[in-house]
Protein backbone atom coordinates (compact mmCIF):
# COMPACT_ATOMS: atom_id res chain seq x y z
CA MET A 1 1.32 -12.80 17.86
CA THR A 2 3.34 -13.71 14.49
CA LEU A 3 4.20 -10.73 12.34
CA ILE A 4 1.74 -12.21 9.33
CA SER A 5 -1.15 -12.32 11.58
CA ALA A 6 -0.44 -8.96 12.81
CA MET A 7 -0.11 -7.33 9.80
CA LEU A 8 -3.03 -9.26 8.98
CA SER A 9 -5.03 -8.31 11.98
CA ARG A 10 -7.98 -5.47 11.43
CA PRO A 11 -7.09 -2.17 12.64
CA VAL A 12 -3.50 -2.93 10.68
CA VAL A 13 -5.57 -3.52 7.35
CA ALA A 14 -7.45 -0.76 7.83
CA ASN A 15 -4.60 1.45 8.13
CA ALA A 16 -3.02 -0.34 5.51
CA VAL A 17 -5.85 0.59 2.94
CA ARG A 18 -5.57 4.14 3.72
CA VAL A 19 -2.58 4.70 3.04
CA SER A 20 -2.28 2.75 0.13
CA MET A 21 -5.01 4.36 -1.36
CA VAL A 22 -3.19 7.81 -0.43
CA VAL A 23 0.22 6.84 -1.66
CA GLY A 24 -1.00 4.78 -4.51
CA THR A 25 -3.35 7.27 -6.45
CA CYS A 26 -0.10 9.80 -5.93
CA LEU A 27 2.48 7.01 -6.92
CA ASN A 28 -0.12 6.21 -10.13
CA ALA A 29 -0.35 9.62 -11.07
CA ILE A 30 3.47 9.70 -11.26
CA ASN A 31 4.15 7.38 -13.38
CA GLN A 32 1.40 6.89 -15.75
CA GLY A 33 -0.59 10.25 -16.03
CA PRO A 34 1.50 11.40 -18.65
CA ASP A 35 -0.01 7.91 -20.75
CA ILE A 36 -3.63 8.63 -19.29
CA TRP A 37 -3.61 12.48 -20.06
CA ARG A 38 -2.57 11.18 -23.56
CA GLY A 39 -5.73 8.97 -23.64
CA GLU A 40 -3.23 5.77 -23.59
CA ALA A 41 -4.36 2.40 -22.08
CA LEU A 42 -3.58 1.86 -18.01
CA ILE A 43 -0.65 -0.38 -17.45
CA TRP A 44 -2.26 -2.82 -14.88
CA ASP A 45 0.80 -4.34 -13.32
CA ARG A 46 1.71 -1.02 -12.08
CA LEU A 47 -1.21 0.24 -11.05
CA VAL A 48 -1.54 -2.77 -9.05
CA MET A 49 1.94 -2.75 -8.13
CA ASN A 50 1.22 0.94 -6.95
CA TYR A 51 -0.99 0.37 -4.88
CA ALA A 52 0.69 -3.51 -3.29
CA VAL A 53 3.59 -1.98 -2.35
CA PRO A 54 1.91 0.83 0.17
CA PHE A 55 0.03 -1.48 1.20
CA LEU A 56 2.61 -3.62 2.18
CA VAL A 57 4.96 -1.52 3.76
CA ALA A 58 2.93 0.41 5.54
CA SER A 59 0.99 -3.04 7.30
CA TYR A 60 4.52 -4.28 7.50
CA SER A 61 5.94 -1.46 9.54
CA ALA A 62 2.58 -0.66 11.58
CA ALA A 63 2.83 -4.36 12.73
CA LYS A 64 6.56 -4.94 13.29
CA ALA A 65 6.43 -1.52 15.82
CA GLN A 66 3.42 -3.45 17.41
CA GLN A 67 5.38 -6.31 18.64
CA MET A 68 8.16 -3.88 19.50
CA MET A 69 6.22 -2.27 21.50
CA ARG A 70 4.75 -5.45 23.45
CA ARG A 71 8.34 -6.33 24.26
């Protein structure tokens, strides 16, 4: 199984989504919280990155761990 196919497997994606929801929300609160509190608009590219980066890190880490355990 390639790394990409492992990253896209159902269990890995499900876990990565849960991780990104928690971590992304925390990152967004840190990065945009003061602006939101003042009533300013969200910066959408930051919002996307705040969720995408934890998703990619979690899915890569899980897929890599699966590959290493199979060896």
